[in-house]
PDB file of N, CA and C in Angstrom:
ATOM      1  N   UNK A   1       8.591  10.410   4.062  1.00  0.00           N
ATOM      2  CA  UNK A   1       8.144   9.388   3.014  1.00  0.00           C
ATOM      3  C   UNK A   1       9.353   8.503   3.104  1.00  0.00           C
ATOM      4  N   UNK A   2       8.900   7.095   3.016  1.00  0.00           N
ATOM      5  CA  UNK A   2      10.212   6.163   2.678  1.00  0.00           C
ATOM      6  C   UNK A   2       9.937   5.041   1.672  1.00  0.00           C
ATOM      7  N   UNK A   3      10.914   4.598   1.103  1.00  0.00           N
ATOM      8  CA  UNK A   3      10.942   3.735  -0.045  1.00  0.00           C
ATOM      9  C   UNK A   3      11.211   2.284   0.556  1.00  0.00           C
ATOM     10  N   UNK A   4      10.508   1.274   0.087  1.00  0.00           N
ATOM     11  CA  UNK A   4      10.330  -0.288   0.542  1.00  0.00           C
ATOM     12  C   UNK A   4      11.447  -0.649  -0.412  1.00  0.00           C
ATOM     13  N   UNK A   5      12.299  -1.601   0.370  1.00  0.00           N
ATOM     14  CA  UNK A   5      13.484  -2.293  -0.673  1.00  0.00           C
ATOM     15  C   UNK A   5      12.998  -3.365  -1.338  1.00  0.00           C
ATOM     16  N   UNK A   6      12.265  -2.990  -2.633  1.00  0.00           N
ATOM     17  CA  UNK A   6      11.903  -3.946  -3.622  1.00  0.00           C
ATOM     18  C   UNK A   6      12.878  -4.945  -4.055  1.00  0.00           C
ATOM     19  N   UNK A   7      14.037  -4.538  -3.816  1.00  0.00           N
ATOM     20  CA  UNK A   7      15.152  -5.707  -4.231  1.00  0.00           C
ATOM     21  C   UNK A   7      15.022  -6.877  -3.219  1.00  0.00           C
ATOM     22  N   UNK A   8      14.406  -6.848  -2.185  1.00  0.00           N
ATOM     23  CA  UNK A   8      14.203  -7.710  -1.201  1.00  0.00           C
ATOM     24  C   UNK A   8      12.944  -8.681  -1.321  1.00  0.00           C
ATOM     25  N   UNK A   9      13.191  -9.795  -1.613  1.00  0.00           N
ATOM     26  CA  UNK A   9      11.828 -10.609  -1.786  1.00  0.00           C
ATOM     27  C   UNK A   9      11.115 -10.756  -0.551  1.00  0.00           C
ATOM     28  N   UNK A  10      11.800 -10.725   0.626  1.00  0.00           N
ATOM     29  CA  UNK A  10      11.175 -10.706   2.122  1.00  0.00           C
ATOM     30  C   UNK A  10      10.594  -9.388   2.072  1.00  0.00           C
ATOM     31  N   UNK A  11      10.887  -8.151   1.923  1.00  0.00           N
ATOM     32  CA  UNK A  11      10.393  -6.881   1.998  1.00  0.00           C
ATOM     33  C   UNK A  11       8.996  -6.936   1.061  1.00  0.00           C
ATOM     34  N   UNK A  12       9.024  -7.670  -0.086  1.00  0.00           N
ATOM     35  CA  UNK A  12       7.890  -7.512  -1.029  1.00  0.00           C
ATOM     36  C   UNK A  12       6.856  -8.706  -0.443  1.00  0.00           C
ATOM     37  N   UNK A  13       7.208  -9.854   0.046  1.00  0.00           N
ATOM     38  CA  UNK A  13       6.186 -10.763   0.651  1.00  0.00           C
ATOM     39  C   UNK A  13       5.651  -9.839   1.887  1.00  0.00           C
ATOM     40  N   UNK A  14       6.311  -9.154   2.683  1.00  0.00           N
ATOM     41  CA  UNK A  14       5.819  -8.287   3.878  1.00  0.00           C
ATOM     42  C   UNK A  14       4.818  -7.488   3.769  1.00  0.00           C
ATOM     43  N   UNK A  15       5.029  -6.634   2.445  1.00  0.00           N
ATOM     44  CA  UNK A  15       4.123  -5.503   2.081  1.00  0.00           C
ATOM     45  C   UNK A  15       2.998  -6.146   1.460  1.00  0.00           C
ATOM     46  N   UNK A  16       2.990  -7.435   0.804  1.00  0.00           N
ATOM     47  CA  UNK A  16       1.820  -7.917   0.525  1.00  0.00           C
ATOM     48  C   UNK A  16       0.986  -8.381   1.808  1.00  0.00           C
ATOM     49  N   UNK A  17       1.811  -9.058   2.639  1.00  0.00           N
ATOM     50  CA  UNK A  17       1.007  -9.440   3.819  1.00  0.00           C
ATOM     51  C   UNK A  17       0.310  -8.567   4.673  1.00  0.00           C
ATOM     52  N   UNK A  18       1.119  -7.399   4.838  1.00  0.00           N
ATOM     53  CA  UNK A  18       0.349  -6.565   5.715  1.00  0.00           C
ATOM     54  C   UNK A  18      -0.513  -5.322   4.863  1.00  0.00           C
ATOM     55  N   UNK A  19      -0.350  -5.110   3.756  1.00  0.00           N
ATOM     56  CA  UNK A  19      -1.120  -3.932   2.924  1.00  0.00           C
ATOM     57  C   UNK A  19      -2.061  -4.450   2.014  1.00  0.00           C
ATOM     58  N   UNK A  20      -1.682  -5.583   1.176  1.00  0.00           N
ATOM     59  CA  UNK A  20      -2.421  -5.879   0.026  1.00  0.00           C
ATOM     60  C   UNK A  20      -3.173  -7.223   0.094  1.00  0.00           C
ATOM     61  N   UNK A  21      -2.745  -8.018   0.832  1.00  0.00           N
ATOM     62  CA  UNK A  21      -3.646  -9.349   0.781  1.00  0.00           C
ATOM     63  C   UNK A  21      -5.166  -9.295   1.103  1.00  0.00           C
ATOM     64  N   UNK A  22      -5.486  -8.477   2.047  1.00  0.00           N
ATOM     65  CA  UNK A  22      -6.740  -8.226   2.270  1.00  0.00           C
ATOM     66  C   UNK A  22      -7.656  -7.796   1.174  1.00  0.00           C
ATOM     67  N   UNK A  23      -7.245  -6.767   0.406  1.00  0.00           N
ATOM     68  CA  UNK A  23      -7.929  -6.046  -0.704  1.00  0.00           C
ATOM     69  C   UNK A  23      -7.727  -7.190  -1.778  1.00  0.00           C
ATOM     70  N   UNK A  24      -6.761  -7.887  -1.970  1.00  0.00           N
ATOM     71  CA  UNK A  24      -6.804  -8.823  -3.071  1.00  0.00           C
ATOM     72  C   UNK A  24      -7.817 -10.056  -2.691  1.00  0.00           C
ATOM     73  N   UNK A  25      -7.720 -10.292  -1.754  1.00  0.00           N
ATOM     74  CA  UNK A  25      -8.658 -11.565  -0.788  1.00  0.00           C
ATOM     75  C   UNK A  25     -10.077 -11.036  -1.245  1.00  0.00           C
ATOM     76  N   UNK A  26     -10.485  -9.949  -0.773  1.00  0.00           N
ATOM     77  CA  UNK A  26     -11.735  -9.310  -0.891  1.00  0.00           C
ATOM     78  C   UNK A  26     -12.362  -8.947  -2.180  1.00  0.00           C
ATOM     79  N   UNK A  27     -11.562  -9.282  -3.378  1.00  0.00           N
ATOM     80  CA  UNK A  27     -12.080  -8.968  -4.805  1.00  0.00           C
ATOM     81  C   UNK A  27     -11.429  -7.678  -5.424  1.00  0.00           C
ATOM     82  N   UNK A  28     -10.472  -7.229  -4.824  1.00  0.00           N
ATOM     83  CA  UNK A  28      -9.932  -5.957  -5.442  1.00  0.00           C
ATOM     84  C   UNK A  28      -9.363  -6.437  -7.138  1.00  0.00           C
ATOM     85  N   UNK A  29      -9.462  -6.028  -8.139  1.00  0.00           N
ATOM     86  CA  UNK A  29      -9.085  -6.357  -9.210  1.00  0.00           C
ATOM     87  C   UNK A  29      -8.489  -5.361 -10.026  1.00  0.00           C
ATOM     88  N   UNK A  30      -8.349  -3.899  -9.609  1.00  0.00           N
ATOM     89  CA  UNK A  30      -7.501  -2.949 -10.104  1.00  0.00           C
ATOM     90  C   UNK A  30      -6.377  -2.519  -9.398  1.00  0.00           C
ATOM     91  N   UNK A  31      -5.529  -2.153  -9.836  1.00  0.00           N
ATOM     92  CA  UNK A  31      -4.221  -1.442  -9.039  1.00  0.00           C
ATOM     93  C   UNK A  31      -3.414  -0.561 -10.000  1.00  0.00           C
ATOM     94  N   UNK A  32      -2.429   0.185  -9.202  1.00  0.00           N
ATOM     95  CA  UNK A  32      -1.732   1.172  -9.959  1.00  0.00           C
ATOM     96  C   UNK A  32      -0.377   1.255  -9.073  1.00  0.00           C
ATOM     97  N   UNK A  33       0.514   1.152  -9.834  1.00  0.00           N
ATOM     98  CA  UNK A  33       2.081   1.333  -9.223  1.00  0.00           C
ATOM     99  C   UNK A  33       2.531   2.776  -9.532  1.00  0.00           C
ATOM    100  N   UNK A  34       2.742   3.475  -8.376  1.00  0.00           N
ATOM    101  CA  UNK A  34       3.174   4.958  -8.523  1.00  0.00           C
ATOM    102  C   UNK A  34       4.248   5.275  -7.723  1.00  0.00           C
ATOM    103  N   UNK A  35       4.673   6.442  -7.684  1.00  0.00           N
ATOM    104  CA  UNK A  35       6.045   6.819  -6.877  1.00  0.00           C
ATOM    105  C   UNK A  35       6.983   6.049  -6.818  1.00  0.00           C
ATOM    106  N   UNK A  36       7.619   5.716  -8.268  1.00  0.00           N
ATOM    107  CA  UNK A  36       8.851   4.928  -8.042  1.00  0.00           C
ATOM    108  C   UNK A  36      10.091   5.840  -8.399  1.00  0.00           C
ATOM    109  N   UNK A  37       9.866   7.142  -8.579  1.00  0.00           N
ATOM    110  CA  UNK A  37      10.943   7.760  -9.002  1.00  0.00           C
ATOM    111  C   UNK A  37      11.972   8.143  -7.810  1.00  0.00           C
ATOM    112  N   UNK A  38      13.241   8.026  -8.037  1.00  0.00           N
ATOM    113  CA  UNK A  38      13.996   8.413  -7.020  1.00  0.00           C
ATOM    114  C   UNK A  38      14.987   9.714  -7.002  1.00  0.00           C
ATOM    115  N   UNK A  39      14.534  10.476  -8.310  1.00  0.00           N
ATOM    116  CA  UNK A  39      15.398  11.636  -8.438  1.00  0.00           C
ATOM    117  C   UNK A  39      15.550  12.573  -7.455  1.00  0.00           C
ATOM    118  N   UNK A  40      14.305  12.806  -6.629  1.00  0.00           N
ATOM    119  CA  UNK A  40      14.393  13.709  -5.412  1.00  0.00           C
ATOM    120  C   UNK A  40      14.931  13.399  -4.099  1.00  0.00           C
ATOM    121  N   UNK A  41      15.528  12.057  -4.213  1.00  0.00           N
ATOM    122  CA  UNK A  41      16.311  11.605  -2.859  1.00  0.00           C
ATOM    123  C   UNK A  41      17.292  12.517  -2.709  1.00  0.00           C
ATOM    124  N   UNK A  42      17.655  13.227  -1.663  1.00  0.00           N
ATOM    125  CA  UNK A  42      18.915  13.759  -1.233  1.00  0.00           C
ATOM    126  C   UNK A  42      20.087  13.055  -0.841  1.00  0.00           C
ATOM    127  N   UNK A  43      21.330  13.183  -1.451  1.00  0.00           N
ATOM    128  CA  UNK A  43      22.360  12.447  -0.960  1.00  0.00           C
ATOM    129  C   UNK A  43      22.438  10.795  -1.237  1.00  0.00           C
ATOM    130  N   UNK A  44      21.628  10.852  -2.648  1.00  0.00           N
ATOM    131  CA  UNK A  44      21.528   9.426  -2.976  1.00  0.00           C
ATOM    132  C   UNK A  44      22.498   8.541  -2.951  1.00  0.00           C
ATOM    133  N   UNK A  45      23.808   9.100  -3.227  1.00  0.00           N
ATOM    134  CA  UNK A  45      25.065   8.292  -3.232  1.00  0.00           C
ATOM    135  C   UNK A  45      25.505   7.765  -1.773  1.00  0.00           C
ATOM    136  N   UNK A  46      24.732   8.264  -0.647  1.00  0.00           N
ATOM    137  CA  UNK A  46      25.221   7.929   0.620  1.00  0.00           C
ATOM    138  C   UNK A  46      23.918   7.195   1.193  1.00  0.00           C
ATOM    139  N   UNK A  47      23.024   6.841   0.496  1.00  0.00           N
ATOM    140  CA  UNK A  47      21.927   5.868   1.095  1.00  0.00           C
ATOM    141  C   UNK A  47      21.989   4.671   0.260  1.00  0.00           C
ATOM    142  N   UNK A  48      21.805   3.590   1.053  1.00  0.00           N
ATOM    143  CA  UNK A  48      21.916   2.245   0.406  1.00  0.00           C
ATOM    144  C   UNK A  48      20.711   1.311   0.640  1.00  0.00           C
ATOM    145  N   UNK A  49      20.450   0.489  -0.027  1.00  0.00           N
ATOM    146  CA  UNK A  49      19.481  -0.611  -0.178  1.00  0.00           C
ATOM    147  C   UNK A  49      19.847  -1.805   0.880  1.00  0.00           C
ATOM    148  N   UNK A  50      19.320  -2.056   1.923  1.00  0.00           N
ATOM    149  CA  UNK A  50      19.782  -2.998   2.831  1.00  0.00           C
ATOM    150  C   UNK A  50      19.953  -4.509   2.030  1.00  0.00           C
ATOM    151  N   UNK A  51      19.268  -4.757   1.276  1.00  0.00           N
ATOM    152  CA  UNK A  51      19.144  -6.184   0.459  1.00  0.00           C
ATOM    153  C   UNK A  51      20.499  -6.540  -0.357  1.00  0.00           C
ATOM    154  N   UNK A  52      20.875  -5.349  -0.971  1.00  0.00           N
ATOM    155  CA  UNK A  52      21.895  -5.615  -1.967  1.00  0.00           C
ATOM    156  C   UNK A  52      23.112  -4.778  -1.864  1.00  0.00           C
ATOM    157  N   UNK A  53      22.966  -3.790  -0.801  1.00  0.00           N
ATOM    158  CA  UNK A  53      24.291  -2.797  -0.239  1.00  0.00           C
ATOM    159  C   UNK A  53      24.451  -1.798  -1.368  1.00  0.00           C
ATOM    160  N   UNK A  54      23.505  -1.776  -2.548  1.00  0.00           N
ATOM    161  CA  UNK A  54      23.877  -0.550  -3.518  1.00  0.00           C
ATOM    162  C   UNK A  54      23.232   0.687  -3.235  1.00  0.00           C
ATOM    163  N   UNK A  55      23.953   1.750  -3.646  1.00  0.00           N
ATOM    164  CA  UNK A  55      23.208   3.076  -3.063  1.00  0.00           C
ATOM    165  C   UNK A  55      22.161   3.315  -4.126  1.00  0.00           C
ATOM    166  N   UNK A  56      21.327   4.369  -3.613  1.00  0.00           N
ATOM    167  CA  UNK A  56      20.080   4.645  -4.380  1.00  0.00           C
ATOM    168  C   UNK A  56      20.370   5.478  -5.624  1.00  0.00           C
ATOM    169  N   UNK A  57      21.774   5.944  -5.557  1.00  0.00           N
ATOM    170  CA  UNK A  57      22.075   6.585  -6.926  1.00  0.00           C
ATOM    171  C   UNK A  57      22.419   5.455  -7.881  1.00  0.00           C
ATOM    172  N   UNK A  58      22.866   4.320  -7.493  1.00  0.00           N
ATOM    173  CA  UNK A  58      23.445   3.345  -8.420  1.00  0.00           C
ATOM    174  C   UNK A  58      22.308   2.641  -8.994  1.00  0.00           C
ATOM    175  N   UNK A  59      21.016   2.681  -8.194  1.00  0.00           N
ATOM    176  CA  UNK A  59      20.014   1.867  -8.474  1.00  0.00           C
ATOM    177  C   UNK A  59      18.887   2.894  -8.956  1.00  0.00           C
ATOM    178  N   UNK A  60      19.066   4.039  -9.359  1.00  0.00           N
ATOM    179  CA  UNK A  60      18.063   5.049  -9.665  1.00  0.00           C
ATOM    180  C   UNK A  60      17.244   4.595 -10.820  1.00  0.00           C
ATOM    181  N   UNK A  61      17.554   4.024 -11.758  1.00  0.00           N
ATOM    182  CA  UNK A  61      16.899   3.595 -13.090  1.00  0.00           C
ATOM    183  C   UNK A  61      16.329   2.202 -12.789  1.00  0.00           C
ATOM    184  N   UNK A  62      17.269   1.348 -12.082  1.00  0.00           N
ATOM    185  CA  UNK A  62      16.941  -0.032 -12.055  1.00  0.00           C
ATOM    186  C   UNK A  62      15.845  -0.264 -10.975  1.00  0.00           C
ATOM    187  N   UNK A  63      15.472   0.676  -9.911  1.00  0.00           N
ATOM    188  CA  UNK A  63      14.375   0.725  -9.175  1.00  0.00           C
ATOM    189  C   UNK A  63      13.224   1.162  -9.971  1.00  0.00           C
ATOM    190  N   UNK A  64      13.201   1.757 -11.093  1.00  0.00           N
ATOM    191  CA  UNK A  64      11.878   2.095 -11.763  1.00  0.00           C
ATOM    192  C   UNK A  64      11.499   0.860 -12.358  1.00  0.00           C
ATOM    193  N   UNK A  65      12.213  -0.180 -12.675  1.00  0.00           N
ATOM    194  CA  UNK A  65      11.926  -1.401 -12.968  1.00  0.00           C
ATOM    195  C   UNK A  65      11.516  -2.512 -12.270  1.00  0.00           C
ATOM    196  N   UNK A  66      12.387  -2.586 -10.943  1.00  0.00           N
ATOM    197  CA  UNK A  66      12.334  -3.565  -9.873  1.00  0.00           C
ATOM    198  C   UNK A  66      10.988  -3.671  -9.203  1.00  0.00           C
ATOM    199  N   UNK A  67      10.587  -2.145  -8.728  1.00  0.00           N
ATOM    200  CA  UNK A  67       9.558  -1.894  -8.093  1.00  0.00           C
ATOM    201  C   UNK A  67       8.181  -2.351  -8.854  1.00  0.00           C
ATOM    202  N   UNK A  68       7.813  -1.865 -10.135  1.00  0.00           N
ATOM    203  CA  UNK A  68       6.592  -2.264 -10.458  1.00  0.00           C
ATOM    204  C   UNK A  68       6.497  -3.764 -10.861  1.00  0.00           C
ATOM    205  N   UNK A  69       7.880  -4.496 -11.155  1.00  0.00           N
ATOM    206  CA  UNK A  69       7.735  -5.902 -11.396  1.00  0.00           C
ATOM    207  C   UNK A  69       7.488  -6.793 -10.266  1.00  0.00           C
ATOM    208  N   UNK A  70       7.933  -6.227  -9.270  1.00  0.00           N
ATOM    209  CA  UNK A  70       7.679  -6.953  -8.003  1.00  0.00           C
ATOM    210  C   UNK A  70       6.064  -6.913  -7.702  1.00  0.00           C
ATOM    211  N   UNK A  71       5.553  -5.708  -7.809  1.00  0.00           N
ATOM    212  CA  UNK A  71       4.150  -5.598  -7.893  1.00  0.00           C
ATOM    213  C   UNK A  71       3.309  -6.329  -8.624  1.00  0.00           C
ATOM    214  N   UNK A  72       3.573  -6.419  -9.991  1.00  0.00           N
ATOM    215  CA  UNK A  72       2.802  -6.883 -10.810  1.00  0.00           C
ATOM    216  C   UNK A  72       2.941  -8.634 -10.623  1.00  0.00           C
ATOM    217  N   UNK A  73       4.185  -9.124 -10.496  1.00  0.00           N
ATOM    218  CA  UNK A  73       4.400 -10.415 -10.170  1.00  0.00           C
ATOM    219  C   UNK A  73       3.673 -10.852  -8.798  1.00  0.00           C
ATOM    220  N   UNK A  74       3.917  -9.960  -7.943  1.00  0.00           N
ATOM    221  CA  UNK A  74       3.040 -10.292  -6.486  1.00  0.00           C
ATOM    222  C   UNK A  74       1.573 -10.415  -6.710  1.00  0.00           C
ATOM    223  N   UNK A  75       0.930  -9.338  -7.518  1.00  0.00           N
ATOM    224  CA  UNK A  75      -0.420  -9.478  -7.660  1.00  0.00           C
ATOM    225  C   UNK A  75      -1.049 -10.742  -8.437  1.00  0.00           C
ATOM    226  N   UNK A  76      -0.092 -11.027  -9.435  1.00  0.00           N
ATOM    227  CA  UNK A  76      -0.410 -12.513 -10.124  1.00  0.00           C
ATOM    228  C   UNK A  76      -0.178 -13.522  -9.716  1.00  0.00           C
ATOM    229  N   UNK A  77       0.699 -13.539  -8.411  1.00  0.00           N
ATOM    230  CA  UNK A  77       1.111 -14.688  -7.948  1.00  0.00           C
ATOM    231  C   UNK A  77      -0.275 -15.047  -6.681  1.00  0.00           C
ATOM    232  N   UNK A  78      -0.725 -13.982  -6.381  1.00  0.00           N
ATOM    233  CA  UNK A  78      -1.876 -14.129  -5.329  1.00  0.00           C
ATOM    234  C   UNK A  78      -3.227 -13.829  -5.592  1.00  0.00           C
ATOM    235  N   UNK A  79      -3.489 -13.665  -6.827  1.00  0.00           N
ATOM    236  CA  UNK A  79      -4.875 -13.385  -7.355  1.00  0.00           C
ATOM    237  C   UNK A  79      -5.171 -14.610  -8.141  1.00  0.00           C
ATOM    238  N   UNK A  80      -6.554 -15.058  -7.738  1.00  0.00           N
ATOM    239  CA  UNK A  80      -6.920 -16.400  -8.390  1.00  0.00           C
ATOM    240  C   UNK A  80      -7.868 -16.189  -9.553  1.00  0.00           C
ATOM    241  N   UNK A  81      -8.255 -14.838  -9.812  1.00  0.00           N
ATOM    242  CA  UNK A  81      -9.206 -14.574 -10.809  1.00  0.00           C
ATOM    243  C   UNK A  81      -8.406 -13.458 -11.551  1.00  0.00           C
ATOM    244  N   UNK A  82      -9.286 -12.258 -11.968  1.00  0.00           N
ATOM    245  CA  UNK A  82      -8.891 -11.200 -12.672  1.00  0.00           C
ATOM    246  C   UNK A  82      -7.992 -10.203 -11.978  1.00  0.00           C
ATOM    247  N   UNK A  83      -6.966  -9.569 -12.555  1.00  0.00           N
ATOM    248  CA  UNK A  83      -6.660  -8.380 -11.959  1.00  0.00           C
ATOM    249  C   UNK A  83      -6.091  -7.432 -13.216  1.00  0.00           C
ATOM    250  N   UNK A  84      -6.108  -6.426 -12.981  1.00  0.00           N
ATOM    251  CA  UNK A  84      -5.815  -5.284 -14.084  1.00  0.00           C
ATOM    252  C   UNK A  84      -5.092  -4.059 -13.197  1.00  0.00           C
ATOM    253  N   UNK A  85      -3.981  -3.572 -13.815  1.00  0.00           N
ATOM    254  CA  UNK A  85      -3.465  -2.627 -13.282  1.00  0.00           C
ATOM    255  C   UNK A  85      -2.614  -1.767 -14.175  1.00  0.00           C
ATOM    256  N   UNK A  86      -2.177  -0.600 -13.731  1.00  0.00           N
ATOM    257  CA  UNK A  86      -1.359   0.340 -14.493  1.00  0.00           C
ATOM    258  C   UNK A  86      -0.011   0.486 -13.679  1.00  0.00           C
ATOM    259  N   UNK A  87       1.067   0.847 -14.535  1.00  0.00           N
ATOM    260  CA  UNK A  87       2.312   1.128 -14.070  1.00  0.00           C
ATOM    261  C   UNK A  87       2.707   2.429 -14.627  1.00  0.00           C
ATOM    262  N   UNK A  88       2.970   3.386 -13.706  1.00  0.00           N
ATOM    263  CA  UNK A  88       3.257   4.772 -14.131  1.00  0.00           C
ATOM    264  C   UNK A  88       4.623   5.174 -14.080  1.00  0.00           C
ATOM    265  N   UNK A  89       5.522   4.797 -13.124  1.00  0.00           N
ATOM    266  CA  UNK A  89       6.827   5.026 -13.180  1.00  0.00           C
ATOM    267  C   UNK A  89       7.587   4.133 -13.912  1.00  0.00           C
ATOM    268  N   UNK A  90       8.626   4.083 -14.292  1.00  0.00           N
ATOM    269  CA  UNK A  90       9.581   2.942 -15.074  1.00  0.00           C
ATOM    270  C   UNK A  90      10.716   3.328 -15.581  1.00  0.00           C
ATOM    271  N   UNK A  91      11.371   2.403 -16.271  1.00  0.00           N
ATOM    272  CA  UNK A  91      12.647   2.685 -16.999  1.00  0.00           C
ATOM    273  C   UNK A  91      12.631   1.556 -18.107  1.00  0.00           C
ATOM    274  N   UNK A  92      13.493   1.599 -18.855  1.00  0.00           N
ATOM    275  CA  UNK A  92      13.799   0.572 -20.053  1.00  0.00           C
ATOM    276  C   UNK A  92      13.214  -0.754 -19.730  1.00  0.00           C
ATOM    277  N   UNK A  93      12.060  -1.352 -20.349  1.00  0.00           N
ATOM    278  CA  UNK A  93      11.708  -2.663 -20.108  1.00  0.00           C
ATOM    279  C   UNK A  93      10.360  -2.606 -19.424  1.00  0.00           C
ATOM    280  N   UNK A  94      10.061  -1.331 -18.568  1.00  0.00           N
ATOM    281  CA  UNK A  94       8.574  -1.371 -17.870  1.00  0.00           C
ATOM    282  C   UNK A  94       7.485  -1.176 -18.674  1.00  0.00           C
ATOM    283  N   UNK A  95       7.683  -0.959 -20.097  1.00  0.00           N
ATOM    284  CA  UNK A  95       6.652  -0.808 -20.860  1.00  0.00           C
ATOM    285  C   UNK A  95       5.665  -2.211 -20.769  1.00  0.00           C
ATOM    286  N   UNK A  96       6.382  -3.380 -20.720  1.00  0.00           N
ATOM    287  CA  UNK A  96       5.666  -4.433 -20.574  1.00  0.00           C
ATOM    288  C   UNK A  96       4.920  -4.867 -19.447  1.00  0.00           C
ATOM    289  N   UNK A  97       4.907  -4.054 -18.388  1.00  0.00           N
ATOM    290  CA  UNK A  97       4.308  -4.112 -17.102  1.00  0.00           C
ATOM    291  C   UNK A  97       3.128  -3.876 -16.750  1.00  0.00           C
ATOM    292  N   UNK A  98       2.280  -2.724 -17.762  1.00  0.00           N
ATOM    293  CA  UNK A  98       0.889  -2.556 -17.592  1.00  0.00           C
ATOM    294  C   UNK A  98       0.417  -3.867 -17.682  1.00  0.00           C
ATOM    295  N   UNK A  99      -0.469  -4.424 -16.706  1.00  0.00           N
ATOM    296  CA  UNK A  99      -1.046  -5.822 -16.792  1.00  0.00           C
ATOM    297  C   UNK A  99      -2.304  -5.907 -16.733  1.00  0.00           C
ATOM    298  N   UNK A 100      -2.757  -7.100 -17.477  1.00  0.00           N
ATOM    299  CA  UNK A 100      -3.940  -7.625 -17.548  1.00  0.00           C
ATOM    300  C   UNK A 100      -3.866  -9.294 -17.222  1.00  0.00           C
ATOM    301  N   UNK A 101      -4.783  -9.815 -16.372  1.00  0.00           N
ATOM    302  CA  UNK A 101      -4.521 -11.328 -16.164  1.00  0.00           C
ATOM    303  C   UNK A 101      -5.703 -11.905 -15.746  1.00  0.00           C
ATOM    304  N   UNK A 102      -6.162 -12.891 -16.155  1.00  0.00           N
ATOM    305  CA  UNK A 102      -7.405 -13.892 -15.928  1.00  0.00           C
ATOM    306  C   UNK A 102      -6.904 -15.181 -16.135  1.00  0.00           C
ATOM    307  N   UNK A 103      -6.600 -15.750 -14.741  1.00  0.00           N
ATOM    308  CA  UNK A 103      -6.262 -17.108 -14.487  1.00  0.00           C
ATOM    309  C   UNK A 103      -7.232 -18.138 -14.931  1.00  0.00           C
ATOM    310  N   UNK A 104      -8.655 -17.691 -15.089  1.00  0.00           N
ATOM    311  CA  UNK A 104      -9.750 -18.403 -15.201  1.00  0.00           C
ATOM    312  C   UNK A 104      -9.464 -18.979 -16.765  1.00  0.00           C
ATOM    313  N   UNK A 105      -8.761 -18.249 -17.612  1.00  0.00           N
ATOM    314  CA  UNK A 105      -8.747 -18.772 -19.047  1.00  0.00           C
ATOM    315  C   UNK A 105      -7.181 -18.995 -19.287  1.00  0.00           C
ATOM    316  N   UNK A 106      -6.473 -19.112 -18.390  1.00  0.00           N
ATOM    317  CA  UNK A 106      -5.067 -19.193 -18.824  1.00  0.00           C
ATOM    318  C   UNK A 106      -4.355 -18.218 -19.406  1.00  0.00           C
ATOM    319  N   UNK A 107      -4.911 -16.983 -19.447  1.00  0.00           N
ATOM    320  CA  UNK A 107      -4.249 -15.851 -20.208  1.00  0.00           C
ATOM    321  C   UNK A 107      -3.512 -14.925 -19.409  1.00  0.00           C
ATOM    322  N   UNK A 108      -2.388 -14.677 -19.914  1.00  0.00           N
ATOM    323  CA  UNK A 108      -1.351 -13.631 -19.342  1.00  0.00           C
ATOM    324  C   UNK A 108      -1.133 -12.653 -20.491  1.00  0.00           C
ATOM    325  N   UNK A 109      -1.768 -11.559 -20.399  1.00  0.00           N
ATOM    326  CA  UNK A 109      -1.384 -10.630 -21.619  1.00  0.00           C
ATOM    327  C   UNK A 109      -0.430  -9.355 -21.318  1.00  0.00           C
ATOM    328  N   UNK A 110       0.357  -9.651 -20.338  1.00  0.00           N
ATOM    329  CA  UNK A 110       1.486  -8.571 -20.050  1.00  0.00           C
ATOM    330  C   UNK A 110       2.287  -8.427 -21.117  1.00  0.00           C
TER     331      UNK A 110
END
């Protein structure tokens, strides 16, 4: 198992390009953000995110907000119609990230 560096805009763009664009383009409107907890990473103080140089230990709680935020914003930026999703992992602030969006009506109910 590996974690994507969601602190990096380039990494987020890459994962959308290779994994999610086809599904979104083909009409997928439901999604779920999961597996964002870093509590089980061994030696977290000795593992670092390449984009910001911070350790996994330093960003344990922040990752729980950055990861779902990157996905929710990425979906909303790429979908021309409806999208709905659920965010399971999180930290303070992520309660606003369960999302529903319909661009046809200009509504963003996040």
